[in-house]
Amino acid sequence: MTSMSYPATASDLQESRLYSRITWRFVPLLMICFVFAYLDRVNISFAKLQMQTDLGFSDAVYGLGASIFFVGYFLFEVPSNMILHKVGPKRWIARIMVTWGIASAAMMFVSSETSFYVLRFLIGSLEAGFVPGALYFFTNWFPSVRRGRINSLFMAAIAVCGIIGGPISGGIMKFTHGVSTLHGWQWLFLLEGIPSILLGVVCYLVIDDRIEDARWLKPEEKQLLKDRIAAEPRSEASHSFGAALKQPTTIVMSLIYLMLASGIYGLVFWMPQLIKSAGTDDTFIIGLISMVPYLCAGLGMIVIGRNSDRTGERRWHLAACALMGAIGYAASAWFGNNTVILVVALSAAATGIIAGIGLFWILPPRVLTGAAAAAGIALINSVGQLGGIITPYMVGKIRDLTGSAAIGLYVVALECLLGAALLLWGLPRRIYFREPAQK
């Protein structure tokens, strides 16, 4: 039997090679897309360091602008993923990327609070559906026993964005300021919006909606992949969106993701300002320092994701991640004036929350299938994005009133702690059934 023959009794090595090919075809591309999605979403945290002074925005105005992105995201997330379920990820993900890239680049024309709010809302509306669309796409190709590492790799884009996005954003703002009479923050939005448009075209050319559509796979390979998906165990799976909404577990998972998302947005929208407040003024140096928490998160989430797949254990891995986030945020608030300890604490928060988000997305497909998977995943994600509405504005308002972000960081720590509690005691244990150890 050759290594390219895949009967039902294919060896573990042959099957691993097949999934490796699929992973290399799709996951790096979608990771890069997510990097620029996140970069276009959060580069405002670096633009703030210049545009706030240039345009006279208060911290509350900035916080509201950062938050209003998620209003559009929340309103259009479920409809977007329902459309994706009908027309397929290939066309819809490409559309999402091209339109949000155009809107993100248009942020260079912001001149008032109104235009700031309108464009942020528009970017959120146009980006809605990308993350749940990609996660839904993975459920069509990978069984749950492999999705721990796949989801973790995909979510590692958040860490990659932080690692490369900080120095790139800080460098653009520092070295392009004044070029062609434009401010550094204007160049930031323009140069980081264009790649999203180009990647949308690549997605249309590379993505295959279903296993059956992949011309680069042999018939026996397609059959093996379909057999693995068909054999996947599910606990009381719901096939319709209405049935999914009636399940308490769907609501609890939405609340859990709300807590986790609140944690990540406290980090991405305020970390540059926290580092600046601790004593660093140079935007490029701030960008370099901001790499550290994301680098730790990137390494940590891969290790945690692999270990969770290897052991088949999800519940305690997830709860420990949320608890690590809570401890990191509390320490960030307490040691906010010490740059070294602050960065260590932010690294713990980033590792816990980002790793937890990657593992979390293994759970919804266990109770949702078909249209319910597309819409239910979008619903959970959109509820989670309410954390992006609440957290940036809350921290900004508290900072305006008290001159410090510490109280806001303590609140985020409590949110992470509540997420850990819900993970341990809010979901029925059958959702955490122990999967076979990954070979």
Protein backbone atom coordinates (compact mmCIF):
# COMPACT_ATOMS: atom_id res chain seq x y z
CA MET A 1 0.00 0.00 0.00
CA THR A 2 1.46 3.38 -0.98
CA SER A 3 1.37 6.45 1.24
CA MET A 4 -1.11 8.07 -1.11
CA SER A 5 -3.76 5.34 -0.84
CA TYR A 6 -6.48 5.96 1.75
CA PRO A 7 -8.91 3.09 2.27
CA ALA A 8 -11.12 2.98 5.36
CA THR A 9 -8.31 1.20 7.20
CA ALA A 10 -5.71 3.89 6.48
CA SER A 11 -2.84 3.89 8.92
CA ASP A 12 -2.40 6.63 11.48
CA LEU A 13 0.66 7.88 9.60
CA GLN A 14 -1.19 8.10 6.29
CA GLU A 15 -4.11 9.88 7.90
CA SER A 16 -1.81 12.31 9.69
CA ARG A 17 -0.10 13.14 6.40
CA LEU A 18 -3.45 13.83 4.79
CA TYR A 19 -4.57 16.15 7.58
CA SER A 20 -1.18 17.83 7.48
CA ARG A 21 -1.73 18.67 3.81
CA ILE A 22 -5.17 20.09 4.58
CA THR A 23 -3.82 22.08 7.50
CA TRP A 24 -1.04 23.64 5.43
CA ARG A 25 -3.45 24.54 2.65
CA PHE A 26 -6.06 26.32 4.73
CA VAL A 27 -4.89 27.23 8.23
CA PRO A 28 -1.87 29.49 7.46
CA LEU A 29 -3.96 31.47 4.96
CA LEU A 30 -6.84 31.98 7.38
CA MET A 31 -4.35 32.78 10.14
CA ILE A 32 -2.83 35.54 8.00
CA CYS A 33 -6.33 36.82 7.24
CA PHE A 34 -7.11 36.85 10.96
CA VAL A 35 -3.86 38.67 11.69
CA PHE A 36 -4.92 41.52 9.42
CA ALA A 37 -8.51 41.36 10.63
CA TYR A 38 -7.26 41.84 14.17
CA LEU A 39 -4.71 44.42 13.10
CA ASP A 40 -7.38 46.48 11.34
CA ARG A 41 -9.61 46.07 14.39
CA VAL A 42 -7.13 47.10 17.08
CA ASN A 43 -4.54 49.32 15.36
CA ILE A 44 -6.61 52.15 16.75
CA SER A 45 -4.87 51.45 20.08
CA PHE A 46 -1.61 52.67 18.49
CA ALA A 47 -3.25 55.38 16.39
CA LYS A 48 -4.61 56.76 19.67
CA LEU A 49 -1.11 57.75 20.72
CA GLN A 50 -1.10 60.41 17.96
CA MET A 51 -4.64 60.94 16.66
CA GLN A 52 -6.07 61.64 20.12
CA THR A 53 -3.91 64.76 20.36
CA ASP A 54 -4.30 65.71 16.69
CA LEU A 55 -8.10 65.50 16.80
CA GLY A 56 -8.66 66.46 20.44
CA PHE A 57 -10.39 63.22 21.50
CA SER A 58 -10.82 62.40 25.20
CA ASP A 59 -10.21 58.89 26.59
CA ALA A 60 -13.99 58.39 26.74
CA VAL A 61 -14.34 59.35 23.05
CA TYR A 62 -11.56 56.93 22.13
CA GLY A 63 -13.13 54.20 24.29
CA LEU A 64 -16.53 54.71 22.67
CA GLY A 65 -14.99 54.63 19.19
CA ALA A 66 -13.17 51.42 20.04
CA SER A 67 -16.40 49.97 21.44
CA ILE A 68 -18.77 51.02 18.66
CA PHE A 69 -16.95 48.69 16.27
CA PHE A 70 -18.56 45.83 18.17
CA VAL A 71 -22.07 47.26 17.89
CA GLY A 72 -21.94 46.74 14.13
CA TYR A 73 -20.19 43.43 14.67
CA PHE A 74 -22.91 42.26 17.07
CA LEU A 75 -25.81 43.31 14.82
CA PHE A 76 -24.50 41.66 11.67
CA GLU A 77 -22.65 38.60 12.99
CA VAL A 78 -25.50 36.08 12.89
CA PRO A 79 -26.98 37.26 9.54
CA SER A 80 -23.48 37.19 8.04
CA ASN A 81 -22.84 33.60 9.09
CA MET A 82 -26.27 32.49 7.94
CA ILE A 83 -25.42 33.88 4.50
CA LEU A 84 -22.04 32.12 4.67
CA HIS A 85 -23.83 28.83 5.37
CA LYS A 86 -25.90 29.33 2.19
CA VAL A 87 -23.32 30.71 -0.27
CA GLY A 88 -20.23 29.01 1.17
CA PRO A 89 -17.07 30.26 2.96
CA LYS A 90 -15.18 30.75 -0.33
CA ARG A 91 -17.28 33.65 -1.59
CA TRP A 92 -18.36 35.12 1.72
CA ILE A 93 -14.98 35.23 3.47
CA ALA A 94 -13.51 36.86 0.35
CA ARG A 95 -16.28 39.48 0.39
CA ILE A 96 -15.77 40.16 4.08
CA MET A 97 -12.05 40.75 3.70
CA VAL A 98 -12.23 43.05 0.69
CA THR A 99 -14.93 45.30 2.14
CA TRP A 100 -13.47 45.58 5.63
CA GLY A 101 -10.04 46.35 4.14
CA ILE A 102 -11.52 49.27 2.19
CA ALA A 103 -13.35 50.59 5.26
CA SER A 104 -10.26 50.22 7.45
CA ALA A 105 -8.09 52.17 5.00
CA ALA A 106 -10.77 54.89 4.93
CA MET A 107 -10.06 55.54 8.63
CA MET A 108 -7.23 57.78 7.42
CA PHE A 109 -9.89 60.38 6.57
CA VAL A 110 -11.28 60.67 10.12
CA SER A 111 -11.55 64.33 11.11
CA SER A 112 -14.26 64.45 13.76
CA GLU A 113 -15.94 62.37 16.45
CA THR A 114 -18.83 61.63 14.08
CA SER A 115 -16.67 60.31 11.24
CA PHE A 116 -14.67 58.34 13.82
CA TYR A 117 -17.80 56.63 15.15
CA VAL A 118 -19.34 56.02 11.71
CA LEU A 119 -16.26 54.35 10.24
CA ARG A 120 -15.65 52.22 13.32
CA PHE A 121 -19.27 51.01 13.15
CA LEU A 122 -18.89 50.30 9.44
CA ILE A 123 -15.69 48.28 9.90
CA GLY A 124 -17.39 46.15 12.55
CA SER A 125 -20.43 45.57 10.34
CA LEU A 126 -18.32 44.51 7.37
CA GLU A 127 -15.96 42.27 9.35
CA ALA A 128 -18.85 40.48 11.09
CA GLY A 129 -18.84 36.79 10.29
CA PHE A 130 -15.16 36.24 9.56
CA VAL A 131 -14.10 34.49 12.78
CA PRO A 132 -17.21 32.30 13.21
CA GLY A 133 -17.13 31.67 9.46
CA ALA A 134 -13.59 30.32 9.67
CA LEU A 135 -14.44 28.24 12.75
CA TYR A 136 -17.50 26.83 10.99
CA PHE A 137 -15.32 26.09 7.96
CA PHE A 138 -12.98 24.04 10.16
CA THR A 139 -15.91 21.90 11.37
CA ASN A 140 -16.47 20.88 7.73
CA TRP A 141 -12.90 19.59 7.40
CA PHE A 142 -11.56 18.51 10.81
CA PRO A 143 -13.07 16.18 13.46
CA SER A 144 -13.17 17.56 17.00
CA VAL A 145 -10.23 15.39 18.12
CA ARG A 146 -8.02 17.52 15.83
CA ARG A 147 -9.69 20.89 16.27
CA GLY A 148 -8.00 21.74 19.57
CA ARG A 149 -4.71 22.38 17.80
CA ILE A 150 -6.38 23.74 14.66
CA ASN A 151 -8.43 26.28 16.61
CA SER A 152 -5.39 27.13 18.71
CA LEU A 153 -3.29 27.70 15.58
CA PHE A 154 -6.00 29.90 14.12
CA MET A 155 -6.44 31.88 17.33
CA ALA A 156 -2.66 32.20 17.56
CA ALA A 157 -3.21 34.89 14.94
CA ILE A 158 -4.17 37.18 17.83
CA ALA A 159 -0.74 36.60 19.34
CA VAL A 160 1.00 36.92 15.96
CA CYS A 161 -0.84 40.19 15.40
CA GLY A 162 0.46 41.45 18.72
CA ILE A 163 4.01 40.26 18.02
CA ILE A 164 4.34 41.86 14.59
CA GLY A 165 1.57 44.43 14.82
CA GLY A 166 3.08 46.42 17.67
CA PRO A 167 6.48 47.09 16.08
CA ILE A 168 4.94 47.58 12.62
CA SER A 169 2.27 49.98 13.86
CA GLY A 170 4.68 51.87 16.07
CA GLY A 171 7.26 52.01 13.28
CA ILE A 172 4.77 53.25 10.67
CA MET A 173 3.59 56.03 12.96
CA LYS A 174 7.12 57.10 13.86
CA PHE A 175 8.81 56.94 10.45
CA THR A 176 5.99 58.04 8.11
CA HIS A 177 4.77 60.97 10.18
CA GLY A 178 4.73 64.02 7.94
CA VAL A 179 5.34 62.13 4.68
CA SER A 180 3.18 63.70 1.91
CA THR A 181 1.70 65.97 4.62
CA LEU A 182 -0.04 62.99 6.24
CA HIS A 183 0.10 62.12 9.93
CA GLY A 184 1.64 58.82 11.01
CA TRP A 185 -1.73 57.50 12.15
CA GLN A 186 -3.19 58.15 8.68
CA TRP A 187 -0.43 56.12 7.04
CA LEU A 188 -1.08 53.42 9.66
CA PHE A 189 -4.69 52.91 8.59
CA LEU A 190 -3.87 53.06 4.87
CA LEU A 191 -0.92 50.66 4.87
CA GLU A 192 -2.60 48.13 7.16
CA GLY A 193 -5.90 48.16 5.24
CA ILE A 194 -4.58 47.33 1.77
CA PRO A 195 -3.30 43.76 2.56
CA SER A 196 -6.81 42.71 3.66
CA ILE A 197 -8.16 43.57 0.22
CA LEU A 198 -5.48 41.50 -1.51
CA LEU A 199 -5.96 38.55 0.86
CA GLY A 200 -9.66 38.50 0.02
CA VAL A 201 -8.75 37.68 -3.58
CA VAL A 202 -6.39 34.90 -2.43
CA CYS A 203 -9.14 33.37 -0.27
CA TYR A 204 -11.47 33.19 -3.26
CA LEU A 205 -8.83 31.32 -5.23
CA VAL A 206 -7.70 28.87 -2.52
CA ILE A 207 -10.63 28.00 -0.23
CA ASP A 208 -12.84 24.99 -0.97
CA ASP A 209 -16.26 25.11 0.69
CA ARG A 210 -16.59 21.36 1.18
CA ILE A 211 -14.51 18.22 1.01
CA GLU A 212 -16.34 17.28 -2.20
CA ASP A 213 -15.17 20.51 -3.88
CA ALA A 214 -11.44 19.83 -3.41
CA ARG A 215 -10.02 18.92 -6.82
CA TRP A 216 -6.60 18.43 -5.26
CA LEU A 217 -7.83 15.40 -3.25
CA LYS A 218 -8.27 11.88 -4.58
CA PRO A 219 -11.68 10.17 -4.23
CA GLU A 220 -10.40 7.78 -1.54
CA GLU A 221 -8.99 10.74 0.41
CA LYS A 222 -12.29 12.56 0.26
CA GLN A 223 -14.13 9.46 1.45
CA LEU A 224 -11.80 9.03 4.41
CA LEU A 225 -12.28 12.66 5.45
CA LYS A 226 -16.06 12.41 5.16
CA ASP A 227 -16.05 9.19 7.17
CA ARG A 228 -14.09 10.86 9.97
CA ILE A 229 -16.55 13.76 10.12
CA ALA A 230 -19.57 11.44 9.98
CA ALA A 231 -18.20 9.29 12.83
CA GLU A 232 -17.70 12.27 15.15
CA PRO A 233 -19.69 11.92 18.42
CA ARG A 234 -22.03 14.73 19.43
CA SER A 235 -23.96 15.34 22.62
CA GLU A 236 -27.65 16.13 21.99
CA ALA A 237 -26.76 17.96 18.80
CA SER A 238 -29.19 20.60 17.53
CA HIS A 239 -29.63 21.01 13.79
CA SER A 240 -31.84 24.11 13.67
CA PHE A 241 -31.08 27.62 14.91
CA GLY A 242 -34.35 27.81 16.84
CA ALA A 243 -33.61 24.59 18.71
CA ALA A 244 -30.11 25.80 19.52
CA LEU A 245 -31.48 29.00 21.05
CA LYS A 246 -33.68 27.00 23.40
CA GLN A 247 -30.73 25.12 24.86
CA PRO A 248 -29.44 26.55 28.14
CA THR A 249 -25.96 25.39 27.16
CA THR A 250 -25.97 27.79 24.18
CA ILE A 251 -26.73 30.71 26.51
CA VAL A 252 -24.11 29.64 29.04
CA MET A 253 -21.49 29.25 26.32
CA SER A 254 -22.37 32.76 25.10
CA LEU A 255 -21.80 34.13 28.61
CA ILE A 256 -18.51 32.26 28.94
CA TYR A 257 -17.28 33.71 25.67
CA LEU A 258 -18.45 37.16 26.77
CA MET A 259 -16.14 36.87 29.79
CA LEU A 260 -13.21 35.64 27.70
CA ALA A 261 -13.70 38.30 25.02
CA SER A 262 -13.87 41.01 27.70
CA GLY A 263 -10.46 39.80 28.79
CA ILE A 264 -8.88 39.96 25.35
CA TYR A 265 -10.26 43.41 24.54
CA GLY A 266 -9.03 44.85 27.81
CA LEU A 267 -5.61 43.79 26.56
CA VAL A 268 -5.60 44.79 22.90
CA PHE A 269 -7.18 48.22 23.24
CA TRP A 270 -5.31 49.42 26.32
CA MET A 271 -1.91 47.70 26.45
CA PRO A 272 -0.04 50.46 24.52
CA GLN A 273 -1.51 53.07 26.86
CA LEU A 274 -0.69 50.99 29.95
CA ILE A 275 2.93 50.66 28.82
CA LYS A 276 3.09 54.39 28.11
CA SER A 277 1.63 55.20 31.54
CA ALA A 278 4.29 52.99 33.14
CA GLY A 279 6.99 55.28 31.75
CA THR A 280 7.65 54.69 28.02
CA ASP A 281 6.90 57.47 25.50
CA ASP A 282 8.48 56.39 22.18
CA THR A 283 5.76 54.75 20.00
CA PHE A 284 8.23 52.35 18.37
CA ILE A 285 9.61 51.20 21.75
CA ILE A 286 6.03 50.75 23.01
CA GLY A 287 5.42 48.55 19.97
CA LEU A 288 8.49 46.45 20.74
CA ILE A 289 7.53 46.04 24.40
CA SER A 290 3.98 45.08 23.45
CA MET A 291 5.42 42.10 21.51
CA VAL A 292 6.39 40.29 24.70
CA PRO A 293 2.92 39.37 26.06
CA TYR A 294 1.80 38.19 22.63
CA LEU A 295 4.97 36.17 22.07
CA CYS A 296 4.37 34.40 25.39
CA ALA A 297 0.72 33.88 24.44
CA GLY A 298 1.62 32.43 21.05
CA LEU A 299 4.00 29.88 22.53
CA GLY A 300 1.76 29.11 25.48
CA MET A 301 -1.41 28.54 23.51
CA ILE A 302 0.28 26.07 21.15
CA VAL A 303 1.63 24.08 24.11
CA ILE A 304 -1.73 24.20 25.92
CA GLY A 305 -3.69 23.29 22.78
CA ARG A 306 -1.44 20.32 22.00
CA ASN A 307 -1.57 19.06 25.58
CA SER A 308 -5.36 19.33 25.64
CA ASP A 309 -5.58 17.37 22.38
CA ARG A 310 -3.08 14.78 23.63
CA THR A 311 -4.97 14.12 26.86
CA GLY A 312 -8.48 14.72 25.52
CA GLU A 313 -9.18 16.90 28.58
CA ARG A 314 -10.92 20.27 28.00
CA ARG A 315 -12.69 21.39 31.19
CA TRP A 316 -9.73 21.99 33.48
CA HIS A 317 -7.53 23.30 30.68
CA LEU A 318 -10.16 25.95 29.89
CA ALA A 319 -10.82 26.91 33.50
CA ALA A 320 -7.08 27.19 34.24
CA CYS A 321 -6.67 29.51 31.24
CA ALA A 322 -9.45 31.81 32.43
CA LEU A 323 -7.99 31.82 35.96
CA MET A 324 -4.55 32.72 34.58
CA GLY A 325 -6.17 35.66 32.79
CA ALA A 326 -7.78 36.85 36.03
CA ILE A 327 -4.51 36.70 37.94
CA GLY A 328 -2.67 38.50 35.15
CA TYR A 329 -5.15 41.38 35.04
CA ALA A 330 -5.20 41.79 38.81
CA ALA A 331 -1.39 41.92 38.87
CA SER A 332 -1.42 44.44 35.99
CA ALA A 333 -3.63 46.75 38.01
CA TRP A 334 -1.55 46.39 41.18
CA PHE A 335 1.85 46.89 39.52
CA GLY A 336 0.80 49.39 36.84
CA ASN A 337 3.75 51.72 37.52
CA ASN A 338 6.44 49.05 37.14
CA THR A 339 7.07 48.31 33.46
CA VAL A 340 8.82 44.96 34.01
CA ILE A 341 6.21 43.48 36.36
CA LEU A 342 3.42 44.99 34.24
CA VAL A 343 4.69 43.19 31.13
CA VAL A 344 5.01 39.89 33.04
CA ALA A 345 1.44 40.26 34.31
CA LEU A 346 0.12 41.18 30.86
CA SER A 347 1.96 38.14 29.46
CA ALA A 348 0.12 35.87 31.91
CA ALA A 349 -3.21 37.49 31.04
CA ALA A 350 -2.58 37.22 27.31
CA THR A 351 -1.48 33.58 27.49
CA GLY A 352 -4.46 32.50 29.57
CA ILE A 353 -7.15 34.35 27.65
CA ILE A 354 -5.89 33.69 24.11
CA ALA A 355 -5.23 30.00 24.79
CA GLY A 356 -8.65 29.72 26.43
CA ILE A 357 -10.39 31.25 23.42
CA GLY A 358 -8.75 28.72 21.10
CA LEU A 359 -9.86 25.75 23.22
CA PHE A 360 -13.33 27.16 23.86
CA TRP A 361 -14.37 26.84 20.22
CA ILE A 362 -14.14 23.04 20.43
CA LEU A 363 -17.31 23.02 22.56
CA PRO A 364 -20.11 24.58 20.42
CA PRO A 365 -19.97 22.02 17.56
CA ARG A 366 -20.61 19.30 20.14
CA VAL A 367 -24.16 20.58 20.60
CA LEU A 368 -24.72 22.37 17.27
CA THR A 369 -24.72 21.00 13.73
CA GLY A 370 -25.78 22.15 10.28
CA ALA A 371 -27.51 25.55 10.16
CA ALA A 372 -27.44 25.63 13.95
CA ALA A 373 -23.64 25.38 13.87
CA ALA A 374 -23.31 28.32 11.48
CA ALA A 375 -25.81 30.55 13.28
CA GLY A 376 -25.12 29.28 16.81
CA ILE A 377 -21.37 29.81 16.55
CA ALA A 378 -22.08 33.29 15.18
CA LEU A 379 -24.49 33.99 18.05
CA ILE A 380 -21.97 32.91 20.69
CA ASN A 381 -19.25 34.97 19.03
CA SER A 382 -21.47 38.04 18.65
CA VAL A 383 -22.52 37.92 22.31
CA GLY A 384 -18.83 37.63 23.17
CA GLN A 385 -18.12 40.75 21.16
CA LEU A 386 -20.31 42.70 23.57
CA GLY A 387 -17.17 42.50 25.71
CA GLY A 388 -15.59 44.70 23.07
CA ILE A 389 -18.39 47.22 23.56
CA ILE A 390 -18.23 47.19 27.33
CA THR A 391 -14.55 46.86 28.22
CA PRO A 392 -12.78 49.56 26.13
CA TYR A 393 -15.37 52.22 27.01
CA MET A 394 -15.48 51.21 30.67
CA VAL A 395 -11.69 51.38 31.07
CA GLY A 396 -11.56 54.70 29.19
CA LYS A 397 -14.34 56.24 31.30
CA ILE A 398 -12.75 55.06 34.54
CA ARG A 399 -9.40 56.45 33.42
CA ASP A 400 -11.01 59.83 32.63
CA LEU A 401 -12.65 59.95 36.06
CA THR A 402 -9.81 58.61 38.21
CA GLY A 403 -6.66 59.20 36.16
CA SER A 404 -5.87 55.48 36.35
CA ALA A 405 -7.01 52.31 34.58
CA ALA A 406 -6.48 50.14 37.68
CA ILE A 407 -10.13 49.84 38.72
CA GLY A 408 -11.11 48.88 35.18
CA LEU A 409 -8.43 46.18 35.11
CA TYR A 410 -9.74 44.74 38.38
CA VAL A 411 -13.21 44.54 36.83
CA VAL A 412 -11.78 42.66 33.83
CA ALA A 413 -10.05 40.28 36.26
CA LEU A 414 -13.42 39.58 37.91
CA GLU A 415 -14.94 38.87 34.49
CA CYS A 416 -12.23 36.30 33.79
CA LEU A 417 -12.83 34.74 37.21
CA LEU A 418 -16.55 34.46 36.46
CA GLY A 419 -15.67 32.81 33.16
CA ALA A 420 -13.60 30.20 35.01
CA ALA A 421 -16.51 29.51 37.37
CA LEU A 422 -18.96 29.06 34.49
CA LEU A 423 -16.56 26.70 32.74
CA LEU A 424 -16.30 24.53 35.85
CA TRP A 425 -19.90 24.57 37.06
CA GLY A 426 -22.10 26.19 34.39
CA LEU A 427 -21.98 23.53 31.66
CA PRO A 428 -23.09 19.89 31.86
CA ARG A 429 -20.12 17.57 32.11
CA ARG A 430 -21.21 15.53 29.09
CA ILE A 431 -20.06 18.43 26.88
CA TYR A 432 -16.55 17.82 28.17
CA PHE A 433 -16.58 14.12 27.31
CA ARG A 434 -13.02 12.85 27.16
CA GLU A 435 -11.94 12.40 23.58
CA PRO A 436 -9.50 9.74 22.44
CA ALA A 437 -5.92 10.87 22.97
CA GLN A 438 -4.44 12.39 19.78
CA LYS A 439 -1.86 10.11 18.22
